[in-house]
Each structure stands twice: as C-alpha cells, then as structure tokens.
Amino acid sequence: MTDGLGWRCKFGVVTPSTNTIVQPEYDDLRPVGVTNHIARMHIPDDPVRTDADFDELIRRIDGALEAAVERVMTAKPDHLILGISAESIWGNALEAARQIARRVAKLSGGLPLTQAAEAIPAALKAYGVTGPISFVTPYFPTAEKHLANFAREIGYEVAAMAHLSRPGPVAIAETAPETLRAAIDQVNRPEVAAIVQFGANLPMGRLAAAAELWLGKPVIAVNVATYWHALRSHGLTDRKAGYGRLMEAF
C-alpha cells in the first residue's frame, strides 16, 4: 500500500525539541506527494552563555539521537533527515557524520540518511564553487575549530566566520533579520566565493535567497541545502522558487 499523502516519499526528520525553524522551512520546500514527519530530540531550553555551555548543548542533542530515531521509525519513513547541522560535524568533521550514520543505520535498517555534512559540499559543488567560503552561525566561538576542520576536509579555505553567540536554543529562532544581514555583510569579503549558513534553527532560508540577489554569489542556507540534498538523493527533481538558486536551478 502507498501512503495517501506521501505517495512519492515520506521523510523522517530528526531535530531538537527546541527547534522551531526546521519543520516550517522543510514543509515550505516539500513538493506534492512528499511528506515530512518530525521526531523531536528532547533537550531543555537552558541558557547558553559560554563555549562550555554550547559544547554541553551539543552533547545533550547527540545523546537524544537514538530515542528520536526510534520514534520516527514507527511512521515507516522512506528516508531520514538529520535536522541539525552542528552535530553532523562536531568533533571529527566528516568522521562525526559517518559515526552518526552508523548509529542511525542500526535503528533504521539502513534507510538513506541525509546530513548537513554531506549536503553542504554537494550544494557547493552544484554551484561550482572553488574559491574560499565564509560561515554564518548562531553558535559560540567554540564552533570555529569544528567548522574549519569540516571546510578543510571538503576541500575549501575559510575566509571568515561570524558567530552570533545566541543565548539559548529557542533564542536562535528569534534572531532578527537585520542581525542576520549584518552577519552576512561581515563575512562577505571580496575573495569569498560563497557564504554558508550553519545552525538549523536560524530563520535563514528566504533571507539567504534574497542575499544571493544583492551579493551576486551563492548564499547557502543549511536547511535548504539539506532538504534539497535529501530530495535529489531520493531521485526527486522538483524545483521551488523563493529559496535561492539551489532549489530553483539544480
């Protein structure tokens, strides 16, 4: 039997319980016949004031992975998406993503899994980016080394990073558009070939698309890249206007 609404694909999406951006952005991006089914990784909305606090937040999210995967598997999805970007690169960059894939596979029976660590390099390749990149994140400076390692492993030099040091998980989604625009401008140096946004709870999808128009270069929002990569990996080639060239042209 085929699902009445998700007759082309049912995505099982695992994201933190505090994340209020992944679900609506993914739903905006989904084509007809594709449905998104959200499983929440339970974490508290504790204040984040220091690098150590942020490292603890990532540890809590990582510890909640298996329980969320078990929950979403009861919906019998066709493909899984990790709706958090930091976890997929934290520690050993691409090896961190491989470890997550192995953990998830034990519970999913080997279903396809899409993570930011795979989606971002695929998006950069689709755009044809070869020069230096910059990052915009809601993280604390502790993220710098993890992002630098990730960029190096996927073959890119980092020109600049802007970390917004948001004061808590829910507060990430409350980041003002003018703050995001200022961060984009801060990292947009002449040599930068593309700007990449990490932090799946930042409301960045449509703003990144607008920034591409005024900057004339790729501005890649992590939720858009991750969902795009999941669609394309599942053989779905639908295009979507309003979320940048990645969803419109590739």
Protein backbone atom coordinates (compact mmCIF):
# COMPACT_ATOMS: atom_id res chain seq x y z
CA MET A 1 0.00 0.00 0.00
CA THR A 2 1.09 3.58 -0.70
CA ASP A 3 0.71 6.44 1.76
CA GLY A 4 -2.24 8.67 0.84
CA LEU A 5 -0.28 11.93 1.01
CA GLY A 6 3.36 10.81 0.95
CA TRP A 7 2.95 8.65 -2.13
CA ARG A 8 6.35 9.70 -3.51
CA CYS A 9 8.35 9.80 -0.28
CA LYS A 10 7.91 10.03 3.48
CA PHE A 11 10.83 11.83 5.11
CA GLY A 12 11.52 11.10 8.77
CA VAL A 13 13.08 14.26 10.22
CA VAL A 14 15.02 14.22 13.50
CA THR A 15 15.52 17.66 15.07
CA PRO A 16 15.90 19.13 18.57
CA SER A 17 12.72 19.79 20.55
CA THR A 18 13.68 23.47 20.78
CA ASN A 19 13.94 23.89 17.01
CA THR A 20 11.05 25.88 15.51
CA ILE A 21 12.54 26.59 12.07
CA VAL A 22 13.35 23.20 10.53
CA GLN A 23 9.76 21.96 10.39
CA PRO A 24 8.18 25.02 8.71
CA GLU A 25 11.07 25.52 6.30
CA TYR A 26 11.08 21.86 5.28
CA ASP A 27 7.31 21.98 4.83
CA ASP A 28 7.67 25.05 2.60
CA LEU A 29 10.19 23.14 0.49
CA ARG A 30 8.34 19.85 0.13
CA PRO A 31 6.80 19.04 -3.26
CA VAL A 32 3.44 17.37 -3.82
CA GLY A 33 3.48 13.72 -2.83
CA VAL A 34 6.27 14.19 -0.27
CA THR A 35 5.56 14.44 3.47
CA ASN A 36 7.74 15.33 6.46
CA HIS A 37 7.38 13.52 9.78
CA ILE A 38 9.12 15.16 12.72
CA ALA A 39 10.73 13.39 15.69
CA ARG A 40 11.98 15.62 18.48
CA MET A 41 15.31 15.12 20.28
CA HIS A 42 14.36 16.23 23.78
CA ILE A 43 16.62 18.94 25.22
CA PRO A 44 15.89 21.75 27.70
CA ASP A 45 15.97 25.40 26.69
CA ASP A 46 18.76 26.17 29.13
CA PRO A 47 20.74 29.41 28.84
CA VAL A 48 23.91 29.32 26.78
CA ARG A 49 26.46 31.87 27.95
CA THR A 50 29.86 30.30 27.27
CA ASP A 51 31.70 27.94 24.96
CA ALA A 52 31.37 25.24 27.61
CA ASP A 53 27.60 25.73 27.72
CA PHE A 54 27.41 25.35 23.96
CA ASP A 55 29.53 22.19 23.99
CA GLU A 56 27.15 20.79 26.61
CA LEU A 57 24.17 21.64 24.39
CA ILE A 58 25.65 19.64 21.52
CA ARG A 59 26.37 16.76 23.89
CA ARG A 60 22.74 16.70 25.03
CA ILE A 61 21.45 16.77 21.47
CA ASP A 62 23.76 13.94 20.47
CA GLY A 63 22.60 11.88 23.43
CA ALA A 64 18.98 12.24 22.34
CA LEU A 65 19.56 10.95 18.81
CA GLU A 66 18.65 7.29 19.17
CA ALA A 67 15.37 7.86 21.01
CA ALA A 68 14.18 10.28 18.33
CA VAL A 69 15.13 7.91 15.53
CA GLU A 70 13.24 5.10 17.23
CA ARG A 71 10.14 7.30 17.44
CA VAL A 72 10.16 8.42 13.83
CA MET A 73 10.75 4.89 12.56
CA THR A 74 7.26 3.95 13.77
CA ALA A 75 5.94 6.11 10.89
CA LYS A 76 7.79 3.85 8.44
CA PRO A 77 9.63 6.62 6.57
CA ASP A 78 11.44 6.05 3.28
CA HIS A 79 14.36 8.37 4.02
CA LEU A 80 15.73 10.06 7.14
CA ILE A 81 17.00 13.64 7.53
CA LEU A 82 19.07 14.93 10.43
CA GLY A 83 17.58 18.37 11.03
CA ILE A 84 20.52 19.76 12.99
CA SER A 85 23.76 20.84 11.39
CA ALA A 86 26.27 21.17 14.25
CA GLU A 87 26.01 17.54 15.38
CA SER A 88 26.97 16.24 11.95
CA ILE A 89 30.39 17.94 12.02
CA TRP A 90 31.15 18.26 15.76
CA GLY A 91 34.39 16.61 16.77
CA ASN A 92 35.93 14.87 13.80
CA ALA A 93 34.13 16.61 10.93
CA LEU A 94 33.22 14.02 8.29
CA GLU A 95 34.02 11.15 10.64
CA ALA A 96 31.43 12.56 13.02
CA ALA A 97 28.84 12.31 10.25
CA ARG A 98 29.92 8.76 9.45
CA GLN A 99 29.56 7.78 13.11
CA ILE A 100 26.06 9.25 13.20
CA ALA A 101 25.16 7.34 10.03
CA ARG A 102 26.29 4.09 11.62
CA ARG A 103 24.28 4.77 14.79
CA VAL A 104 21.16 5.60 12.82
CA ALA A 105 21.54 2.61 10.50
CA LYS A 106 21.34 0.23 13.46
CA LEU A 107 17.85 1.53 14.21
CA SER A 108 16.59 2.22 10.69
CA GLY A 109 17.62 -0.95 8.94
CA GLY A 110 19.90 1.05 6.67
CA LEU A 111 17.47 3.67 5.37
CA PRO A 112 19.06 6.54 3.41
CA LEU A 113 20.15 9.36 5.73
CA THR A 114 20.82 12.98 4.77
CA GLN A 115 23.01 15.20 6.95
CA ALA A 116 24.37 18.72 6.60
CA ALA A 117 27.92 17.35 6.38
CA GLU A 118 27.01 15.76 3.04
CA ALA A 119 24.53 18.36 1.82
CA ILE A 120 26.79 21.41 2.09
CA PRO A 121 29.63 20.05 -0.08
CA ALA A 122 27.04 18.78 -2.59
CA ALA A 123 25.50 22.26 -2.74
CA LEU A 124 28.88 23.94 -3.19
CA LYS A 125 29.68 21.52 -5.99
CA ALA A 126 26.32 22.18 -7.67
CA TYR A 127 27.09 25.91 -7.67
CA GLY A 128 30.58 25.25 -8.99
CA VAL A 129 32.25 26.96 -6.02
CA THR A 130 36.02 26.50 -5.89
CA GLY A 131 37.23 29.58 -4.01
CA PRO A 132 37.20 30.48 -0.30
CA ILE A 133 33.97 30.29 1.69
CA SER A 134 32.65 32.06 4.77
CA PHE A 135 30.35 30.86 7.54
CA VAL A 136 27.49 32.50 9.45
CA THR A 137 26.28 30.63 12.54
CA PRO A 138 24.28 31.17 15.75
CA TYR A 139 26.99 29.30 17.65
CA PHE A 140 29.64 30.32 20.15
CA PRO A 141 33.31 30.62 19.09
CA THR A 142 33.92 27.01 20.17
CA ALA A 143 32.40 26.08 16.81
CA GLU A 144 35.26 27.69 14.91
CA LYS A 145 37.61 24.72 15.03
CA HIS A 146 34.88 22.26 14.04
CA LEU A 147 33.82 24.32 11.03
CA ALA A 148 37.44 24.89 9.99
CA ASN A 149 38.11 21.15 10.09
CA PHE A 150 34.95 20.47 8.11
CA ALA A 151 35.84 23.02 5.43
CA ARG A 152 39.34 21.64 5.12
CA GLU A 153 38.07 18.07 4.74
CA ILE A 154 35.68 19.04 1.94
CA GLY A 155 38.41 20.99 0.18
CA TYR A 156 37.69 24.65 0.97
CA GLU A 157 39.62 27.51 2.51
CA VAL A 158 37.73 29.59 5.08
CA ALA A 159 37.90 33.35 4.60
CA ALA A 160 35.77 34.48 7.55
CA MET A 161 33.27 33.34 10.18
CA ALA A 162 30.58 35.21 12.10
CA HIS A 163 29.21 33.54 15.26
CA LEU A 164 26.16 35.20 16.78
CA SER A 165 26.52 33.51 20.21
CA ARG A 166 22.78 33.25 20.74
CA PRO A 167 21.80 32.94 24.43
CA GLY A 168 19.82 29.71 24.20
CA PRO A 169 18.41 27.10 21.79
CA VAL A 170 14.99 28.73 21.32
CA ALA A 171 16.60 32.17 21.02
CA ILE A 172 18.34 31.06 17.82
CA ALA A 173 14.98 31.16 16.01
CA GLU A 174 14.35 34.66 17.40
CA THR A 175 17.37 36.17 15.66
CA ALA A 176 16.33 39.38 13.93
CA PRO A 177 16.65 39.67 10.14
CA GLU A 178 18.83 42.76 10.50
CA THR A 179 21.25 40.76 12.67
CA LEU A 180 21.48 38.09 10.01
CA ARG A 181 22.00 40.67 7.26
CA ALA A 182 24.80 42.28 9.25
CA ALA A 183 26.47 38.89 9.75
CA ILE A 184 26.30 38.19 6.02
CA ASP A 185 27.84 41.57 5.25
CA GLN A 186 30.54 40.95 7.87
CA VAL A 187 31.81 37.78 6.17
CA ASN A 188 31.29 38.90 2.58
CA ARG A 189 34.86 39.73 1.65
CA PRO A 190 35.90 40.28 -1.99
CA GLU A 191 37.66 36.91 -2.19
CA VAL A 192 34.70 34.94 -0.80
CA ALA A 193 33.14 32.68 -3.43
CA ALA A 194 30.17 31.55 -1.29
CA ILE A 195 28.64 32.13 2.13
CA VAL A 196 27.41 29.11 4.07
CA GLN A 197 25.00 29.34 7.00
CA PHE A 198 25.08 26.66 9.68
CA GLY A 199 22.60 26.36 12.54
CA ALA A 200 19.32 24.72 11.55
CA ASN A 201 17.23 26.87 13.91
CA LEU A 202 18.22 30.15 12.24
CA PRO A 203 15.38 31.55 10.07
CA MET A 204 17.64 31.89 7.08
CA GLY A 205 16.07 30.16 4.07
CA ARG A 206 14.36 33.10 2.37
CA LEU A 207 16.88 35.66 3.59
CA ALA A 208 19.73 33.66 2.05
CA ALA A 209 17.84 33.60 -1.25
CA ALA A 210 17.47 37.38 -1.14
CA ALA A 211 21.14 37.82 -0.22
CA GLU A 212 22.16 35.91 -3.34
CA LEU A 213 20.46 38.62 -5.39
CA TRP A 214 22.19 41.56 -3.73
CA LEU A 215 25.61 39.89 -3.43
CA GLY A 216 25.69 38.08 -6.75
CA LYS A 217 27.18 34.94 -5.20
CA PRO A 218 25.86 31.74 -3.56
CA VAL A 219 24.47 32.14 -0.05
CA ILE A 220 23.65 28.63 1.15
CA ALA A 221 21.18 28.17 3.99
CA VAL A 222 21.72 24.85 5.70
CA ASN A 223 18.05 23.82 5.83
CA VAL A 224 17.60 24.49 2.14
CA ALA A 225 20.78 22.60 1.26
CA THR A 226 19.87 19.64 3.49
CA TYR A 227 16.33 19.28 2.17
CA TRP A 228 17.49 19.81 -1.42
CA HIS A 229 20.09 17.07 -1.00
CA ALA A 230 17.52 14.70 0.52
CA LEU A 231 15.18 15.27 -2.43
CA ARG A 232 17.88 14.81 -5.03
CA SER A 233 19.31 11.75 -3.26
CA HIS A 234 15.85 10.21 -3.38
CA GLY A 235 15.55 10.88 -7.10
CA LEU A 236 13.12 13.81 -6.72
CA THR A 237 13.98 16.68 -9.06
CA ASP A 238 11.19 19.15 -8.25
CA ARG A 239 12.22 22.83 -8.17
CA LYS A 240 10.98 25.50 -5.79
CA ALA A 241 11.05 29.27 -6.21
CA GLY A 242 11.81 31.65 -3.36
CA TYR A 243 14.59 29.69 -1.65
CA GLY A 244 17.54 30.50 -3.87
CA ARG A 245 19.20 29.10 -6.97
CA LEU A 246 19.92 25.76 -5.32
CA MET A 247 16.24 24.83 -5.27
CA GLU A 248 15.46 26.67 -8.50
CA ALA A 249 18.23 25.55 -10.82
CA PHE A 250 19.95 22.36 -9.60
